[in-house]
Amino acid sequence: MNPDRLVYMANQIAKGFRLKTEDRAVADTLDHIQKFWEPRMRREILAVLASGGDGLEPIARKAVEQIKVS
């Protein structure tokens, strides 16, 4: 999948939770990614993070930092 598309998707998920406290928004973003993104997508967004995480908004970035790939 296109890395820019994954960044966009992660940011959109995070944006949906932005009215919550930051900790809750990060947790809910992470939960959504863990539940609904396949392992390949999670590995690819982790690669984006490893290369600097360009484009990731703060809540999305914090969630991505906690992703576990099965």
PDB file of N, CA and C in Angstrom:
ATOM      1  N   MET A   1       0.854  -1.179   0.000  1.00  0.00           N
ATOM      2  CA  MET A   1       0.000   0.000   0.000  1.00  0.00           C
ATOM      3  C   MET A   1       0.893   1.233   0.000  1.00  0.00           C
ATOM      4  N   ASN A   2       0.413   2.281  -0.586  1.00  0.00           N
ATOM      5  CA  ASN A   2       1.146   3.530  -0.672  1.00  0.00           C
ATOM      6  C   ASN A   2       1.361   4.110   0.734  1.00  0.00           C
ATOM      7  N   PRO A   3       2.616   4.411   1.109  1.00  0.00           N
ATOM      8  CA  PRO A   3       2.885   4.959   2.446  1.00  0.00           C
ATOM      9  C   PRO A   3       2.116   6.250   2.727  1.00  0.00           C
ATOM     10  N   ASP A   4       1.984   7.107   1.732  1.00  0.00           N
ATOM     11  CA  ASP A   4       1.235   8.353   1.943  1.00  0.00           C
ATOM     12  C   ASP A   4      -0.227   8.066   2.281  1.00  0.00           C
ATOM     13  N   ARG A   5      -0.772   7.043   1.669  1.00  0.00           N
ATOM     14  CA  ARG A   5      -2.161   6.658   1.938  1.00  0.00           C
ATOM     15  C   ARG A   5      -2.307   6.148   3.382  1.00  0.00           C
ATOM     16  N   LEU A   6      -1.329   5.365   3.839  1.00  0.00           N
ATOM     17  CA  LEU A   6      -1.369   4.860   5.218  1.00  0.00           C
ATOM     18  C   LEU A   6      -1.272   6.008   6.215  1.00  0.00           C
ATOM     19  N   VAL A   7      -0.408   6.972   5.941  1.00  0.00           N
ATOM     20  CA  VAL A   7      -0.281   8.142   6.814  1.00  0.00           C
ATOM     21  C   VAL A   7      -1.608   8.892   6.849  1.00  0.00           C
ATOM     22  N   TYR A   8      -2.208   9.092   5.680  1.00  0.00           N
ATOM     23  CA  TYR A   8      -3.506   9.764   5.600  1.00  0.00           C
ATOM     24  C   TYR A   8      -4.548   9.023   6.438  1.00  0.00           C
ATOM     25  N   MET A   9      -4.591   7.703   6.280  1.00  0.00           N
ATOM     26  CA  MET A   9      -5.573   6.905   7.010  1.00  0.00           C
ATOM     27  C   MET A   9      -5.355   6.997   8.518  1.00  0.00           C
ATOM     28  N   ALA A  10      -4.111   6.882   8.966  1.00  0.00           N
ATOM     29  CA  ALA A  10      -3.812   6.971  10.400  1.00  0.00           C
ATOM     30  C   ALA A  10      -4.213   8.338  10.938  1.00  0.00           C
ATOM     31  N   ASN A  11      -3.914   9.397  10.183  1.00  0.00           N
ATOM     32  CA  ASN A  11      -4.283  10.745  10.614  1.00  0.00           C
ATOM     33  C   ASN A  11      -5.798  10.920  10.673  1.00  0.00           C
ATOM     34  N   GLN A  12      -6.527  10.340   9.730  1.00  0.00           N
ATOM     35  CA  GLN A  12      -7.988  10.431   9.734  1.00  0.00           C
ATOM     36  C   GLN A  12      -8.578   9.718  10.948  1.00  0.00           C
ATOM     37  N   ILE A  13      -8.029   8.562  11.269  1.00  0.00           N
ATOM     38  CA  ILE A  13      -8.493   7.835  12.458  1.00  0.00           C
ATOM     39  C   ILE A  13      -8.271   8.700  13.704  1.00  0.00           C
ATOM     40  N   ALA A  14      -7.067   9.229  13.827  1.00  0.00           N
ATOM     41  CA  ALA A  14      -6.729  10.063  14.983  1.00  0.00           C
ATOM     42  C   ALA A  14      -7.625  11.298  15.044  1.00  0.00           C
ATOM     43  N   LYS A  15      -7.904  11.881  13.897  1.00  0.00           N
ATOM     44  CA  LYS A  15      -8.750  13.070  13.845  1.00  0.00           C
ATOM     45  C   LYS A  15     -10.146  12.766  14.394  1.00  0.00           C
ATOM     46  N   GLY A  16     -10.625  11.564  14.191  1.00  0.00           N
ATOM     47  CA  GLY A  16     -11.930  11.174  14.699  1.00  0.00           C
ATOM     48  C   GLY A  16     -12.002  11.142  16.218  1.00  0.00           C
ATOM     49  N   PHE A  17     -10.860  11.023  16.855  1.00  0.00           N
ATOM     50  CA  PHE A  17     -10.813  10.945  18.319  1.00  0.00           C
ATOM     51  C   PHE A  17     -10.249  12.216  18.955  1.00  0.00           C
ATOM     52  N   ARG A  18     -10.037  13.255  18.188  1.00  0.00           N
ATOM     53  CA  ARG A  18      -9.323  14.440  18.666  1.00  0.00           C
ATOM     54  C   ARG A  18     -10.028  15.199  19.782  1.00  0.00           C
ATOM     55  N   LEU A  19     -11.325  14.991  19.958  1.00  0.00           N
ATOM     56  CA  LEU A  19     -12.031  15.706  21.014  1.00  0.00           C
ATOM     57  C   LEU A  19     -11.883  15.042  22.382  1.00  0.00           C
ATOM     58  N   LYS A  20     -11.275  13.881  22.403  1.00  0.00           N
ATOM     59  CA  LYS A  20     -11.017  13.193  23.669  1.00  0.00           C
ATOM     60  C   LYS A  20      -9.701  13.702  24.246  1.00  0.00           C
ATOM     61  N   THR A  21      -9.382  13.286  25.473  1.00  0.00           N
ATOM     62  CA  THR A  21      -8.069  13.624  26.010  1.00  0.00           C
ATOM     63  C   THR A  21      -7.007  13.002  25.112  1.00  0.00           C
ATOM     64  N   GLU A  22      -5.815  13.554  25.124  1.00  0.00           N
ATOM     65  CA  GLU A  22      -4.769  13.034  24.243  1.00  0.00           C
ATOM     66  C   GLU A  22      -4.492  11.557  24.508  1.00  0.00           C
ATOM     67  N   ASP A  23      -4.379  11.178  25.772  1.00  0.00           N
ATOM     68  CA  ASP A  23      -4.114   9.775  26.094  1.00  0.00           C
ATOM     69  C   ASP A  23      -5.214   8.856  25.554  1.00  0.00           C
ATOM     70  N   ARG A  24      -6.465   9.273  25.707  1.00  0.00           N
ATOM     71  CA  ARG A  24      -7.592   8.463  25.219  1.00  0.00           C
ATOM     72  C   ARG A  24      -7.605   8.427  23.691  1.00  0.00           C
ATOM     73  N   ALA A  25      -7.311   9.546  23.055  1.00  0.00           N
ATOM     74  CA  ALA A  25      -7.274   9.601  21.593  1.00  0.00           C
ATOM     75  C   ALA A  25      -6.186   8.683  21.042  1.00  0.00           C
ATOM     76  N   VAL A  26      -5.025   8.687  21.677  1.00  0.00           N
ATOM     77  CA  VAL A  26      -3.931   7.805  21.249  1.00  0.00           C
ATOM     78  C   VAL A  26      -4.348   6.345  21.423  1.00  0.00           C
ATOM     79  N   ALA A  27      -4.913   6.027  22.586  1.00  0.00           N
ATOM     80  CA  ALA A  27      -5.327   4.647  22.864  1.00  0.00           C
ATOM     81  C   ALA A  27      -6.401   4.180  21.886  1.00  0.00           C
ATOM     82  N   ASP A  28      -7.359   5.034  21.597  1.00  0.00           N
ATOM     83  CA  ASP A  28      -8.432   4.655  20.676  1.00  0.00           C
ATOM     84  C   ASP A  28      -7.924   4.528  19.239  1.00  0.00           C
ATOM     85  N   THR A  29      -6.999   5.383  18.856  1.00  0.00           N
ATOM     86  CA  THR A  29      -6.394   5.285  17.524  1.00  0.00           C
ATOM     87  C   THR A  29      -5.618   3.983  17.409  1.00  0.00           C
ATOM     88  N   LEU A  30      -4.824   3.685  18.412  1.00  0.00           N
ATOM     89  CA  LEU A  30      -4.063   2.437  18.424  1.00  0.00           C
ATOM     90  C   LEU A  30      -4.999   1.237  18.369  1.00  0.00           C
ATOM     91  N   ASP A  31      -6.040   1.262  19.173  1.00  0.00           N
ATOM     92  CA  ASP A  31      -7.008   0.160  19.195  1.00  0.00           C
ATOM     93  C   ASP A  31      -7.618  -0.057  17.814  1.00  0.00           C
ATOM     94  N   HIS A  32      -8.006   1.013  17.161  1.00  0.00           N
ATOM     95  CA  HIS A  32      -8.597   0.901  15.824  1.00  0.00           C
ATOM     96  C   HIS A  32      -7.601   0.280  14.840  1.00  0.00           C
ATOM     97  N   ILE A  33      -6.370   0.762  14.846  1.00  0.00           N
ATOM     98  CA  ILE A  33      -5.356   0.238  13.925  1.00  0.00           C
ATOM     99  C   ILE A  33      -5.091  -1.236  14.214  1.00  0.00           C
ATOM    100  N   GLN A  34      -4.976  -1.593  15.486  1.00  0.00           N
ATOM    101  CA  GLN A  34      -4.708  -2.990  15.845  1.00  0.00           C
ATOM    102  C   GLN A  34      -5.859  -3.906  15.416  1.00  0.00           C
ATOM    103  N   LYS A  35      -7.094  -3.428  15.537  1.00  0.00           N
ATOM    104  CA  LYS A  35      -8.256  -4.258  15.222  1.00  0.00           C
ATOM    105  C   LYS A  35      -8.543  -4.360  13.723  1.00  0.00           C
ATOM    106  N   PHE A  36      -8.353  -3.263  12.995  1.00  0.00           N
ATOM    107  CA  PHE A  36      -8.862  -3.200  11.632  1.00  0.00           C
ATOM    108  C   PHE A  36      -7.803  -3.165  10.532  1.00  0.00           C
ATOM    109  N   TRP A  37      -6.552  -2.959  10.882  1.00  0.00           N
ATOM    110  CA  TRP A  37      -5.495  -2.976   9.872  1.00  0.00           C
ATOM    111  C   TRP A  37      -4.846  -4.349   9.878  1.00  0.00           C
ATOM    112  N   GLU A  38      -4.627  -4.888   8.704  1.00  0.00           N
ATOM    113  CA  GLU A  38      -3.960  -6.180   8.620  1.00  0.00           C
ATOM    114  C   GLU A  38      -2.477  -6.005   8.965  1.00  0.00           C
ATOM    115  N   PRO A  39      -1.811  -7.093   9.357  1.00  0.00           N
ATOM    116  CA  PRO A  39      -0.404  -6.997   9.767  1.00  0.00           C
ATOM    117  C   PRO A  39       0.494  -6.314   8.739  1.00  0.00           C
ATOM    118  N   ARG A  40       0.257  -6.555   7.451  1.00  0.00           N
ATOM    119  CA  ARG A  40       1.072  -5.922   6.406  1.00  0.00           C
ATOM    120  C   ARG A  40       0.966  -4.404   6.487  1.00  0.00           C
ATOM    121  N   MET A  41      -0.228  -3.894   6.703  1.00  0.00           N
ATOM    122  CA  MET A  41      -0.424  -2.444   6.812  1.00  0.00           C
ATOM    123  C   MET A  41       0.278  -1.896   8.049  1.00  0.00           C
ATOM    124  N   ARG A  42       0.195  -2.631   9.147  1.00  0.00           N
ATOM    125  CA  ARG A  42       0.867  -2.182  10.373  1.00  0.00           C
ATOM    126  C   ARG A  42       2.380  -2.174  10.192  1.00  0.00           C
ATOM    127  N   ARG A  43       2.918  -3.193   9.516  1.00  0.00           N
ATOM    128  CA  ARG A  43       4.366  -3.209   9.246  1.00  0.00           C
ATOM    129  C   ARG A  43       4.774  -2.023   8.368  1.00  0.00           C
ATOM    130  N   GLU A  44       3.954  -1.716   7.385  1.00  0.00           N
ATOM    131  CA  GLU A  44       4.278  -0.625   6.467  1.00  0.00           C
ATOM    132  C   GLU A  44       4.229   0.740   7.158  1.00  0.00           C
ATOM    133  N   ILE A  45       3.259   0.961   8.052  1.00  0.00           N
ATOM    134  CA  ILE A  45       3.220   2.246   8.754  1.00  0.00           C
ATOM    135  C   ILE A  45       4.370   2.334   9.753  1.00  0.00           C
ATOM    136  N   LEU A  46       4.795   1.203  10.302  1.00  0.00           N
ATOM    137  CA  LEU A  46       5.980   1.209  11.167  1.00  0.00           C
ATOM    138  C   LEU A  46       7.231   1.561  10.373  1.00  0.00           C
ATOM    139  N   ALA A  47       7.291   1.141   9.123  1.00  0.00           N
ATOM    140  CA  ALA A  47       8.419   1.506   8.256  1.00  0.00           C
ATOM    141  C   ALA A  47       8.415   3.012   7.987  1.00  0.00           C
ATOM    142  N   VAL A  48       7.231   3.578   7.829  1.00  0.00           N
ATOM    143  CA  VAL A  48       7.125   5.034   7.660  1.00  0.00           C
ATOM    144  C   VAL A  48       7.678   5.728   8.902  1.00  0.00           C
ATOM    145  N   LEU A  49       7.290   5.245  10.070  1.00  0.00           N
ATOM    146  CA  LEU A  49       7.781   5.814  11.323  1.00  0.00           C
ATOM    147  C   LEU A  49       9.294   5.688  11.422  1.00  0.00           C
ATOM    148  N   ALA A  50       9.828   4.527  11.061  1.00  0.00           N
ATOM    149  CA  ALA A  50      11.275   4.294  11.135  1.00  0.00           C
ATOM    150  C   ALA A  50      12.056   5.220  10.207  1.00  0.00           C
ATOM    151  N   SER A  51      11.414   5.652   9.135  1.00  0.00           N
ATOM    152  CA  SER A  51      12.103   6.547   8.203  1.00  0.00           C
ATOM    153  C   SER A  51      11.813   8.019   8.512  1.00  0.00           C
ATOM    154  N   GLY A  52      11.290   8.293   9.688  1.00  0.00           N
ATOM    155  CA  GLY A  52      11.087   9.664  10.125  1.00  0.00           C
ATOM    156  C   GLY A  52       9.653  10.029  10.431  1.00  0.00           C
ATOM    157  N   GLY A  53       8.702   9.244   9.947  1.00  0.00           N
ATOM    158  CA  GLY A  53       7.304   9.486  10.252  1.00  0.00           C
ATOM    159  C   GLY A  53       6.723  10.732   9.612  1.00  0.00           C
ATOM    160  N   ASP A  54       7.288  11.138   8.468  1.00  0.00           N
ATOM    161  CA  ASP A  54       6.818  12.349   7.800  1.00  0.00           C
ATOM    162  C   ASP A  54       5.317  12.312   7.559  1.00  0.00           C
ATOM    163  N   GLY A  55       4.649  13.382   7.968  1.00  0.00           N
ATOM    164  CA  GLY A  55       3.230  13.536   7.729  1.00  0.00           C
ATOM    165  C   GLY A  55       2.334  13.056   8.843  1.00  0.00           C
ATOM    166  N   LEU A  56       2.855  12.246   9.751  1.00  0.00           N
ATOM    167  CA  LEU A  56       2.017  11.751  10.845  1.00  0.00           C
ATOM    168  C   LEU A  56       1.737  12.875  11.841  1.00  0.00           C
ATOM    169  N   GLU A  57       0.463  13.084  12.125  1.00  0.00           N
ATOM    170  CA  GLU A  57       0.066  14.049  13.142  1.00  0.00           C
ATOM    171  C   GLU A  57       0.433  13.485  14.517  1.00  0.00           C
ATOM    172  N   PRO A  58       0.568  14.341  15.540  1.00  0.00           N
ATOM    173  CA  PRO A  58       1.055  13.871  16.848  1.00  0.00           C
ATOM    174  C   PRO A  58       0.289  12.689  17.456  1.00  0.00           C
ATOM    175  N   ILE A  59      -1.027  12.710  17.427  1.00  0.00           N
ATOM    176  CA  ILE A  59      -1.789  11.603  18.027  1.00  0.00           C
ATOM    177  C   ILE A  59      -1.561  10.328  17.234  1.00  0.00           C
ATOM    178  N   ALA A  60      -1.612  10.427  15.914  1.00  0.00           N
ATOM    179  CA  ALA A  60      -1.372   9.254  15.068  1.00  0.00           C
ATOM    180  C   ALA A  60       0.042   8.722  15.290  1.00  0.00           C
ATOM    181  N   ARG A  61       1.000   9.605  15.377  1.00  0.00           N
ATOM    182  CA  ARG A  61       2.399   9.195  15.575  1.00  0.00           C
ATOM    183  C   ARG A  61       2.551   8.427  16.896  1.00  0.00           C
ATOM    184  N   LYS A  62       1.964   8.955  17.960  1.00  0.00           N
ATOM    185  CA  LYS A  62       2.066   8.280  19.259  1.00  0.00           C
ATOM    186  C   LYS A  62       1.401   6.900  19.211  1.00  0.00           C
ATOM    187  N   ALA A  63       0.301   6.795  18.492  1.00  0.00           N
ATOM    188  CA  ALA A  63      -0.368   5.493  18.358  1.00  0.00           C
ATOM    189  C   ALA A  63       0.512   4.534  17.567  1.00  0.00           C
ATOM    190  N   VAL A  64       1.062   4.989  16.456  1.00  0.00           N
ATOM    191  CA  VAL A  64       1.908   4.147  15.617  1.00  0.00           C
ATOM    192  C   VAL A  64       3.132   3.662  16.392  1.00  0.00           C
ATOM    193  N   GLU A  65       3.666   4.483  17.255  1.00  0.00           N
ATOM    194  CA  GLU A  65       4.832   4.090  18.064  1.00  0.00           C
ATOM    195  C   GLU A  65       4.523   2.889  18.957  1.00  0.00           C
ATOM    196  N   GLN A  66       3.252   2.628  19.217  1.00  0.00           N
ATOM    197  CA  GLN A  66       2.861   1.530  20.110  1.00  0.00           C
ATOM    198  C   GLN A  66       2.314   0.299  19.395  1.00  0.00           C
ATOM    199  N   ILE A  67       2.317   0.328  18.072  1.00  0.00           N
ATOM    200  CA  ILE A  67       1.769  -0.793  17.297  1.00  0.00           C
ATOM    201  C   ILE A  67       2.572  -2.057  17.538  1.00  0.00           C
ATOM    202  N   LYS A  68       1.823  -3.151  17.616  1.00  0.00           N
ATOM    203  CA  LYS A  68       2.436  -4.471  17.678  1.00  0.00           C
ATOM    204  C   LYS A  68       1.954  -5.240  16.445  1.00  0.00           C
ATOM    205  N   VAL A  69       2.898  -5.867  15.762  1.00  0.00           N
ATOM    206  CA  VAL A  69       2.565  -6.629  14.554  1.00  0.00           C
ATOM    207  C   VAL A  69       2.560  -8.099  14.918  1.00  0.00           C
ATOM    208  N   SER A  70       1.472  -8.790  14.548  1.00  0.00           N
ATOM    209  CA  SER A  70       1.396 -10.214  14.858  1.00  0.00           C
ATOM    210  C   SER A  70       1.868 -11.047  13.689  1.00  0.00           C
TER     211      SER A  70
END
